[in-house]
mmCIF file of all heavy atoms, coordinates in Angstrom:
data_MODEL
# 
_entry.id   MODEL 
# 
loop_
_atom_site.group_PDB 
_atom_site.id 
_atom_site.type_symbol 
_atom_site.label_atom_id 
_atom_site.label_alt_id 
_atom_site.label_comp_id 
_atom_site.label_asym_id 
_atom_site.label_entity_id 
_atom_site.label_seq_id 
_atom_site.pdbx_PDB_ins_code 
_atom_site.Cartn_x 
_atom_site.Cartn_y 
_atom_site.Cartn_z 
_atom_site.occupancy 
_atom_site.B_iso_or_equiv 
_atom_site.pdbx_formal_charge 
_atom_site.auth_seq_id 
_atom_site.auth_comp_id 
_atom_site.auth_asym_id 
_atom_site.auth_atom_id 
_atom_site.pdbx_PDB_model_num 
ATOM 1   N N   . ASP A 1 1  ? 0.866  -1.173  0.000   1.00 0.00 ? 1  ASP A N   1 
ATOM 2   C CA  . ASP A 1 1  ? 0.000  0.000   0.000   1.00 0.00 ? 1  ASP A CA  1 
ATOM 3   C C   . ASP A 1 1  ? 0.910  1.233   0.000   1.00 0.00 ? 1  ASP A C   1 
ATOM 4   O O   . ASP A 1 1  ? 1.697  1.419   0.934   1.00 0.00 ? 1  ASP A O   1 
ATOM 5   C CB  . ASP A 1 1  ? -0.891 -0.021  1.245   1.00 0.00 ? 1  ASP A CB  1 
ATOM 6   C CG  . ASP A 1 1  ? -1.864 1.149   1.299   1.00 0.00 ? 1  ASP A CG  1 
ATOM 7   O OD1 . ASP A 1 1  ? -1.440 2.297   1.027   1.00 0.00 ? 1  ASP A OD1 1 
ATOM 8   O OD2 . ASP A 1 1  ? -3.037 0.925   1.625   1.00 0.00 ? 1  ASP A OD2 1 
ATOM 9   N N   . PRO A 1 2  ? 0.840  2.093   -1.019  1.00 0.00 ? 2  PRO A N   1 
ATOM 10  C CA  . PRO A 1 2  ? 1.768  3.229   -1.085  1.00 0.00 ? 2  PRO A CA  1 
ATOM 11  C C   . PRO A 1 2  ? 1.562  4.259   0.011   1.00 0.00 ? 2  PRO A C   1 
ATOM 12  O O   . PRO A 1 2  ? 2.473  5.041   0.287   1.00 0.00 ? 2  PRO A O   1 
ATOM 13  C CB  . PRO A 1 2  ? 1.505  3.825   -2.466  1.00 0.00 ? 2  PRO A CB  1 
ATOM 14  C CG  . PRO A 1 2  ? 0.142  3.368   -2.842  1.00 0.00 ? 2  PRO A CG  1 
ATOM 15  C CD  . PRO A 1 2  ? -0.048 2.028   -2.200  1.00 0.00 ? 2  PRO A CD  1 
ATOM 16  N N   . ALA A 1 3  ? 0.395  4.288   0.636   1.00 0.00 ? 3  ALA A N   1 
ATOM 17  C CA  . ALA A 1 3  ? 0.147  5.264   1.699   1.00 0.00 ? 3  ALA A CA  1 
ATOM 18  C C   . ALA A 1 3  ? 0.645  4.761   3.044   1.00 0.00 ? 3  ALA A C   1 
ATOM 19  O O   . ALA A 1 3  ? 1.347  5.469   3.770   1.00 0.00 ? 3  ALA A O   1 
ATOM 20  C CB  . ALA A 1 3  ? -1.336 5.587   1.769   1.00 0.00 ? 3  ALA A CB  1 
ATOM 21  N N   . SER A 1 4  ? 0.308  3.506   3.378   1.00 0.00 ? 4  SER A N   1 
ATOM 22  C CA  . SER A 1 4  ? 0.646  2.975   4.696   1.00 0.00 ? 4  SER A CA  1 
ATOM 23  C C   . SER A 1 4  ? 1.920  2.144   4.697   1.00 0.00 ? 4  SER A C   1 
ATOM 24  O O   . SER A 1 4  ? 2.523  1.920   5.749   1.00 0.00 ? 4  SER A O   1 
ATOM 25  C CB  . SER A 1 4  ? -0.496 2.102   5.219   1.00 0.00 ? 4  SER A CB  1 
ATOM 26  O OG  . SER A 1 4  ? -0.633 0.918   4.436   1.00 0.00 ? 4  SER A OG  1 
ATOM 27  N N   . GLY A 1 5  ? 2.330  1.668   3.526   1.00 0.00 ? 5  GLY A N   1 
ATOM 28  C CA  . GLY A 1 5  ? 3.479  0.778   3.449   1.00 0.00 ? 5  GLY A CA  1 
ATOM 29  C C   . GLY A 1 5  ? 3.150  -0.665  3.799   1.00 0.00 ? 5  GLY A C   1 
ATOM 30  O O   . GLY A 1 5  ? 4.037  -1.518  3.811   1.00 0.00 ? 5  GLY A O   1 
ATOM 31  N N   . GLN A 1 6  ? 1.891  -0.961  4.075   1.00 0.00 ? 6  GLN A N   1 
ATOM 32  C CA  . GLN A 1 6  ? 1.503  -2.317  4.449   1.00 0.00 ? 6  GLN A CA  1 
ATOM 33  C C   . GLN A 1 6  ? 1.680  -3.268  3.268   1.00 0.00 ? 6  GLN A C   1 
ATOM 34  O O   . GLN A 1 6  ? 1.323  -2.967  2.134   1.00 0.00 ? 6  GLN A O   1 
ATOM 35  C CB  . GLN A 1 6  ? 0.047  -2.349  4.918   1.00 0.00 ? 6  GLN A CB  1 
ATOM 36  C CG  . GLN A 1 6  ? -0.425 -3.728  5.366   1.00 0.00 ? 6  GLN A CG  1 
ATOM 37  C CD  . GLN A 1 6  ? -1.852 -3.692  5.894   1.00 0.00 ? 6  GLN A CD  1 
ATOM 38  O OE1 . GLN A 1 6  ? -2.452 -2.621  6.000   1.00 0.00 ? 6  GLN A OE1 1 
ATOM 39  N NE2 . GLN A 1 6  ? -2.390 -4.845  6.235   1.00 0.00 ? 6  GLN A NE2 1 
ATOM 40  N N   . LEU A 1 7  ? 2.246  -4.445  3.552   1.00 0.00 ? 7  LEU A N   1 
ATOM 41  C CA  . LEU A 1 7  ? 2.474  -5.434  2.508   1.00 0.00 ? 7  LEU A CA  1 
ATOM 42  C C   . LEU A 1 7  ? 1.152  -6.052  2.063   1.00 0.00 ? 7  LEU A C   1 
ATOM 43  O O   . LEU A 1 7  ? 0.332  -6.465  2.872   1.00 0.00 ? 7  LEU A O   1 
ATOM 44  C CB  . LEU A 1 7  ? 3.405  -6.536  3.026   1.00 0.00 ? 7  LEU A CB  1 
ATOM 45  C CG  . LEU A 1 7  ? 3.808  -7.601  2.008   1.00 0.00 ? 7  LEU A CG  1 
ATOM 46  C CD1 . LEU A 1 7  ? 4.714  -7.002  0.935   1.00 0.00 ? 7  LEU A CD1 1 
ATOM 47  C CD2 . LEU A 1 7  ? 4.506  -8.765  2.704   1.00 0.00 ? 7  LEU A CD2 1 
ATOM 48  N N   . ILE A 1 8  ? 0.945  -6.110  0.746   1.00 0.00 ? 8  ILE A N   1 
ATOM 49  C CA  . ILE A 1 8  ? -0.253 -6.708  0.162   1.00 0.00 ? 8  ILE A CA  1 
ATOM 50  C C   . ILE A 1 8  ? 0.035  -8.139  -0.293  1.00 0.00 ? 8  ILE A C   1 
ATOM 51  O O   . ILE A 1 8  ? -0.748 -9.052  -0.048  1.00 0.00 ? 8  ILE A O   1 
ATOM 52  C CB  . ILE A 1 8  ? -0.760 -5.860  -1.016  1.00 0.00 ? 8  ILE A CB  1 
ATOM 53  C CG1 . ILE A 1 8  ? -1.212 -4.489  -0.518  1.00 0.00 ? 8  ILE A CG1 1 
ATOM 54  C CG2 . ILE A 1 8  ? -1.894 -6.561  -1.754  1.00 0.00 ? 8  ILE A CG2 1 
ATOM 55  C CD1 . ILE A 1 8  ? -1.527 -3.507  -1.634  1.00 0.00 ? 8  ILE A CD1 1 
ATOM 56  N N   . ALA A 1 9  ? 1.168  -8.336  -0.956  1.00 0.00 ? 9  ALA A N   1 
ATOM 57  C CA  . ALA A 1 9  ? 1.556  -9.669  -1.429  1.00 0.00 ? 9  ALA A CA  1 
ATOM 58  C C   . ALA A 1 9  ? 3.028  -9.636  -1.790  1.00 0.00 ? 9  ALA A C   1 
ATOM 59  O O   . ALA A 1 9  ? 3.607  -8.568  -2.029  1.00 0.00 ? 9  ALA A O   1 
ATOM 60  C CB  . ALA A 1 9  ? 0.720  -10.096 -2.638  1.00 0.00 ? 9  ALA A CB  1 
ATOM 61  N N   . ALA A 1 10 ? 3.642  -10.824 -1.854  1.00 0.00 ? 10 ALA A N   1 
ATOM 62  C CA  . ALA A 1 10 ? 5.051  -10.923 -2.221  1.00 0.00 ? 10 ALA A CA  1 
ATOM 63  C C   . ALA A 1 10 ? 5.301  -12.262 -2.895  1.00 0.00 ? 10 ALA A C   1 
ATOM 64  O O   . ALA A 1 10 ? 4.495  -13.192 -2.789  1.00 0.00 ? 10 ALA A O   1 
ATOM 65  C CB  . ALA A 1 10 ? 5.940  -10.773 -0.983  1.00 0.00 ? 10 ALA A CB  1 
ATOM 66  N N   . SER A 1 11 ? 6.415  -12.362 -3.595  1.00 0.00 ? 11 SER A N   1 
ATOM 67  C CA  . SER A 1 11 ? 6.774  -13.608 -4.269  1.00 0.00 ? 11 SER A CA  1 
ATOM 68  C C   . SER A 1 11 ? 7.196  -14.660 -3.241  1.00 0.00 ? 11 SER A C   1 
ATOM 69  O O   . SER A 1 11 ? 8.039  -14.412 -2.392  1.00 0.00 ? 11 SER A O   1 
ATOM 70  C CB  . SER A 1 11 ? 7.905  -13.359 -5.269  1.00 0.00 ? 11 SER A CB  1 
ATOM 71  O OG  . SER A 1 11 ? 8.985  -12.682 -4.650  1.00 0.00 ? 11 SER A OG  1 
ATOM 72  N N   . ASP A 1 12 ? 6.567  -15.830 -3.350  1.00 0.00 ? 12 ASP A N   1 
ATOM 73  C CA  . ASP A 1 12 ? 6.888  -16.957 -2.478  1.00 0.00 ? 12 ASP A CA  1 
ATOM 74  C C   . ASP A 1 12 ? 6.330  -18.217 -3.134  1.00 0.00 ? 12 ASP A C   1 
ATOM 75  O O   . ASP A 1 12 ? 5.930  -18.199 -4.292  1.00 0.00 ? 12 ASP A O   1 
ATOM 76  C CB  . ASP A 1 12 ? 6.339  -16.750 -1.061  1.00 0.00 ? 12 ASP A CB  1 
ATOM 77  C CG  . ASP A 1 12 ? 4.824  -16.552 -1.016  1.00 0.00 ? 12 ASP A CG  1 
ATOM 78  O OD1 . ASP A 1 12 ? 4.129  -16.915 -2.003  1.00 0.00 ? 12 ASP A OD1 1 
ATOM 79  O OD2 . ASP A 1 12 ? 4.324  -16.032 -0.007  1.00 0.00 ? 12 ASP A OD2 1 
ATOM 80  N N   . THR A 1 13 ? 6.278  -19.305 -2.402  1.00 0.00 ? 13 THR A N   1 
ATOM 81  C CA  . THR A 1 13 ? 5.843  -20.575 -2.991  1.00 0.00 ? 13 THR A CA  1 
ATOM 82  C C   . THR A 1 13 ? 4.340  -20.646 -3.235  1.00 0.00 ? 13 THR A C   1 
ATOM 83  O O   . THR A 1 13 ? 3.859  -21.633 -3.784  1.00 0.00 ? 13 THR A O   1 
ATOM 84  C CB  . THR A 1 13 ? 6.258  -21.756 -2.106  1.00 0.00 ? 13 THR A CB  1 
ATOM 85  O OG1 . THR A 1 13 ? 5.718  -21.577 -0.786  1.00 0.00 ? 13 THR A OG1 1 
ATOM 86  C CG2 . THR A 1 13 ? 7.776  -21.861 -2.007  1.00 0.00 ? 13 THR A CG2 1 
ATOM 87  N N   . SER A 1 14 ? 3.593  -19.609 -2.853  1.00 0.00 ? 14 SER A N   1 
ATOM 88  C CA  . SER A 1 14 ? 2.159  -19.614 -3.150  1.00 0.00 ? 14 SER A CA  1 
ATOM 89  C C   . SER A 1 14 ? 1.891  -19.291 -4.622  1.00 0.00 ? 14 SER A C   1 
ATOM 90  O O   . SER A 1 14 ? 0.798  -19.562 -5.127  1.00 0.00 ? 14 SER A O   1 
ATOM 91  C CB  . SER A 1 14 ? 1.418  -18.626 -2.241  1.00 0.00 ? 14 SER A CB  1 
ATOM 92  O OG  . SER A 1 14 ? 1.806  -17.287 -2.515  1.00 0.00 ? 14 SER A OG  1 
ATOM 93  N N   . TRP A 1 15 ? 2.863  -18.715 -5.316  1.00 0.00 ? 15 TRP A N   1 
ATOM 94  C CA  . TRP A 1 15 ? 2.709  -18.443 -6.743  1.00 0.00 ? 15 TRP A CA  1 
ATOM 95  C C   . TRP A 1 15 ? 2.709  -19.757 -7.504  1.00 0.00 ? 15 TRP A C   1 
ATOM 96  O O   . TRP A 1 15 ? 3.395  -20.716 -7.134  1.00 0.00 ? 15 TRP A O   1 
ATOM 97  C CB  . TRP A 1 15 ? 3.850  -17.567 -7.256  1.00 0.00 ? 15 TRP A CB  1 
ATOM 98  C CG  . TRP A 1 15 ? 3.827  -16.142 -6.769  1.00 0.00 ? 15 TRP A CG  1 
ATOM 99  C CD1 . TRP A 1 15 ? 3.793  -15.722 -5.469  1.00 0.00 ? 15 TRP A CD1 1 
ATOM 100 C CD2 . TRP A 1 15 ? 3.869  -14.961 -7.568  1.00 0.00 ? 15 TRP A CD2 1 
ATOM 101 N NE1 . TRP A 1 15 ? 3.808  -14.355 -5.412  1.00 0.00 ? 15 TRP A NE1 1 
ATOM 102 C CE2 . TRP A 1 15 ? 3.860  -13.855 -6.680  1.00 0.00 ? 15 TRP A CE2 1 
ATOM 103 C CE3 . TRP A 1 15 ? 3.923  -14.732 -8.933  1.00 0.00 ? 15 TRP A CE3 1 
ATOM 104 C CZ2 . TRP A 1 15 ? 3.889  -12.544 -7.129  1.00 0.00 ? 15 TRP A CZ2 1 
ATOM 105 C CZ3 . TRP A 1 15 ? 3.961  -13.421 -9.389  1.00 0.00 ? 15 TRP A CZ3 1 
ATOM 106 C CH2 . TRP A 1 15 ? 3.942  -12.327 -8.492  1.00 0.00 ? 15 TRP A CH2 1 
ATOM 107 N N   . ARG A 1 16 ? 1.935  -19.801 -8.599  1.00 0.00 ? 16 ARG A N   1 
ATOM 108 C CA  . ARG A 1 16 ? 1.939  -20.954 -9.504  1.00 0.00 ? 16 ARG A CA  1 
ATOM 109 C C   . ARG A 1 16 ? 2.674  -20.546 -10.776 1.00 0.00 ? 16 ARG A C   1 
ATOM 110 O O   . ARG A 1 16 ? 2.366  -19.508 -11.372 1.00 0.00 ? 16 ARG A O   1 
ATOM 111 C CB  . ARG A 1 16 ? 0.518  -21.368 -9.857  1.00 0.00 ? 16 ARG A CB  1 
ATOM 112 C CG  . ARG A 1 16 ? -0.324 -21.780 -8.654  1.00 0.00 ? 16 ARG A CG  1 
ATOM 113 C CD  . ARG A 1 16 ? -0.205 -23.253 -8.398  1.00 0.00 ? 16 ARG A CD  1 
ATOM 114 N NE  . ARG A 1 16 ? -1.170 -23.698 -7.378  1.00 0.00 ? 16 ARG A NE  1 
ATOM 115 C CZ  . ARG A 1 16 ? -1.367 -24.974 -7.080  1.00 0.00 ? 16 ARG A CZ  1 
ATOM 116 N NH1 . ARG A 1 16 ? -0.707 -25.934 -7.724  1.00 0.00 ? 16 ARG A NH1 1 
ATOM 117 N NH2 . ARG A 1 16 ? -2.246 -25.293 -6.150  1.00 0.00 ? 16 ARG A NH2 1 
ATOM 118 N N   . CYS A 1 17 ? 3.640  -21.352 -11.203 1.00 0.00 ? 17 CYS A N   1 
ATOM 119 C CA  . CYS A 1 17 ? 4.448  -21.012 -12.366 1.00 0.00 ? 17 CYS A CA  1 
ATOM 120 C C   . CYS A 1 17 ? 4.580  -22.206 -13.304 1.00 0.00 ? 17 CYS A C   1 
ATOM 121 O O   . CYS A 1 17 ? 4.903  -23.313 -12.871 1.00 0.00 ? 17 CYS A O   1 
ATOM 122 C CB  . CYS A 1 17 ? 5.846  -20.548 -11.942 1.00 0.00 ? 17 CYS A CB  1 
ATOM 123 S SG  . CYS A 1 17 ? 5.880  -18.973 -11.044 1.00 0.00 ? 17 CYS A SG  1 
ATOM 124 N N   . LEU A 1 18 ? 4.340  -21.952 -14.571 1.00 0.00 ? 18 LEU A N   1 
ATOM 125 C CA  . LEU A 1 18 ? 4.431  -22.972 -15.611 1.00 0.00 ? 18 LEU A CA  1 
ATOM 126 C C   . LEU A 1 18 ? 5.601  -22.649 -16.541 1.00 0.00 ? 18 LEU A C   1 
ATOM 127 O O   . LEU A 1 18 ? 5.719  -21.525 -17.030 1.00 0.00 ? 18 LEU A O   1 
ATOM 128 C CB  . LEU A 1 18 ? 3.132  -23.006 -16.417 1.00 0.00 ? 18 LEU A CB  1 
ATOM 129 C CG  . LEU A 1 18 ? 3.060  -24.028 -17.552 1.00 0.00 ? 18 LEU A CG  1 
ATOM 130 C CD1 . LEU A 1 18 ? 2.956  -25.442 -16.989 1.00 0.00 ? 18 LEU A CD1 1 
ATOM 131 C CD2 . LEU A 1 18 ? 1.866  -23.727 -18.466 1.00 0.00 ? 18 LEU A CD2 1 
ATOM 132 N N   . THR A 1 19 ? 6.460  -23.633 -16.786 1.00 0.00 ? 19 THR A N   1 
ATOM 133 C CA  . THR A 1 19 ? 7.578  -23.460 -17.715 1.00 0.00 ? 19 THR A CA  1 
ATOM 134 C C   . THR A 1 19 ? 7.084  -23.647 -19.139 1.00 0.00 ? 19 THR A C   1 
ATOM 135 O O   . THR A 1 19 ? 6.519  -24.691 -19.467 1.00 0.00 ? 19 THR A O   1 
ATOM 136 C CB  . THR A 1 19 ? 8.693  -24.480 -17.422 1.00 0.00 ? 19 THR A CB  1 
ATOM 137 O OG1 . THR A 1 19 ? 9.128  -24.331 -16.071 1.00 0.00 ? 19 THR A OG1 1 
ATOM 138 C CG2 . THR A 1 19 ? 9.872  -24.281 -18.356 1.00 0.00 ? 19 THR A CG2 1 
ATOM 139 N N   . VAL A 1 20 ? 7.305  -22.656 -20.000 1.00 0.00 ? 20 VAL A N   1 
ATOM 140 C CA  . VAL A 1 20 ? 6.868  -22.768 -21.399 1.00 0.00 ? 20 VAL A CA  1 
ATOM 141 C C   . VAL A 1 20 ? 8.050  -22.780 -22.374 1.00 0.00 ? 20 VAL A C   1 
ATOM 142 O O   . VAL A 1 20 ? 7.852  -22.938 -23.576 1.00 0.00 ? 20 VAL A O   1 
ATOM 143 C CB  . VAL A 1 20 ? 5.874  -21.651 -21.772 1.00 0.00 ? 20 VAL A CB  1 
ATOM 144 C CG1 . VAL A 1 20 ? 4.568  -21.829 -21.011 1.00 0.00 ? 20 VAL A CG1 1 
ATOM 145 C CG2 . VAL A 1 20 ? 6.467  -20.268 -21.545 1.00 0.00 ? 20 VAL A CG2 1 
ATOM 146 N N   . HIS A 1 21 ? 9.256  -22.581 -21.872 1.00 0.00 ? 21 HIS A N   1 
ATOM 147 C CA  . HIS A 1 21 ? 10.448 -22.822 -22.693 1.00 0.00 ? 21 HIS A CA  1 
ATOM 148 C C   . HIS A 1 21 ? 11.500 -23.482 -21.808 1.00 0.00 ? 21 HIS A C   1 
ATOM 149 O O   . HIS A 1 21 ? 11.908 -22.919 -20.794 1.00 0.00 ? 21 HIS A O   1 
ATOM 150 C CB  . HIS A 1 21 ? 11.011 -21.538 -23.300 1.00 0.00 ? 21 HIS A CB  1 
ATOM 151 C CG  . HIS A 1 21 ? 12.090 -21.817 -24.323 1.00 0.00 ? 21 HIS A CG  1 
ATOM 152 N ND1 . HIS A 1 21 ? 13.378 -22.165 -23.969 1.00 0.00 ? 21 HIS A ND1 1 
ATOM 153 C CD2 . HIS A 1 21 ? 12.054 -21.821 -25.685 1.00 0.00 ? 21 HIS A CD2 1 
ATOM 154 C CE1 . HIS A 1 21 ? 14.095 -22.365 -25.067 1.00 0.00 ? 21 HIS A CE1 1 
ATOM 155 N NE2 . HIS A 1 21 ? 13.308 -22.162 -26.122 1.00 0.00 ? 21 HIS A NE2 1 
ATOM 156 N N   . GLU A 1 22 ? 11.918 -24.683 -22.237 1.00 0.00 ? 22 GLU A N   1 
ATOM 157 C CA  . GLU A 1 22 ? 12.929 -25.436 -21.499 1.00 0.00 ? 22 GLU A CA  1 
ATOM 158 C C   . GLU A 1 22 ? 14.017 -25.848 -22.478 1.00 0.00 ? 22 GLU A C   1 
ATOM 159 O O   . GLU A 1 22 ? 13.750 -26.471 -23.503 1.00 0.00 ? 22 GLU A O   1 
ATOM 160 C CB  . GLU A 1 22 ? 12.319 -26.667 -20.845 1.00 0.00 ? 22 GLU A CB  1 
ATOM 161 C CG  . GLU A 1 22 ? 13.309 -27.499 -20.037 1.00 0.00 ? 22 GLU A CG  1 
ATOM 162 C CD  . GLU A 1 22 ? 12.666 -28.707 -19.391 1.00 0.00 ? 22 GLU A CD  1 
ATOM 163 O OE1 . GLU A 1 22 ? 11.461 -28.926 -19.607 1.00 0.00 ? 22 GLU A OE1 1 
ATOM 164 O OE2 . GLU A 1 22 ? 13.383 -29.440 -18.674 1.00 0.00 ? 22 GLU A OE2 1 
ATOM 165 N N   . ALA A 1 23 ? 15.264 -25.489 -22.154 1.00 0.00 ? 23 ALA A N   1 
ATOM 166 C CA  . ALA A 1 23 ? 16.392 -25.847 -23.025 1.00 0.00 ? 23 ALA A CA  1 
ATOM 167 C C   . ALA A 1 23 ? 17.704 -25.560 -22.277 1.00 0.00 ? 23 ALA A C   1 
ATOM 168 O O   . ALA A 1 23 ? 17.762 -24.627 -21.477 1.00 0.00 ? 23 ALA A O   1 
ATOM 169 C CB  . ALA A 1 23 ? 16.344 -25.046 -24.317 1.00 0.00 ? 23 ALA A CB  1 
ATOM 170 N N   . PRO A 1 24 ? 18.727 -26.357 -22.549 1.00 0.00 ? 24 PRO A N   1 
ATOM 171 C CA  . PRO A 1 24 ? 18.679 -27.567 -23.365 1.00 0.00 ? 24 PRO A CA  1 
ATOM 172 C C   . PRO A 1 24 ? 18.086 -28.726 -22.569 1.00 0.00 ? 24 PRO A C   1 
ATOM 173 O O   . PRO A 1 24 ? 18.192 -28.754 -21.346 1.00 0.00 ? 24 PRO A O   1 
ATOM 174 C CB  . PRO A 1 24 ? 20.150 -27.821 -23.686 1.00 0.00 ? 24 PRO A CB  1 
ATOM 175 C CG  . PRO A 1 24 ? 20.884 -27.263 -22.491 1.00 0.00 ? 24 PRO A CG  1 
ATOM 176 C CD  . PRO A 1 24 ? 20.090 -26.063 -22.060 1.00 0.00 ? 24 PRO A CD  1 
# 
């Protein structure tokens, strides 16, 4: 929150991520 500085969300293991390019 830009006014209070309170955290809304952050990157952690709750994110879901799919790999769409894998190489090699």
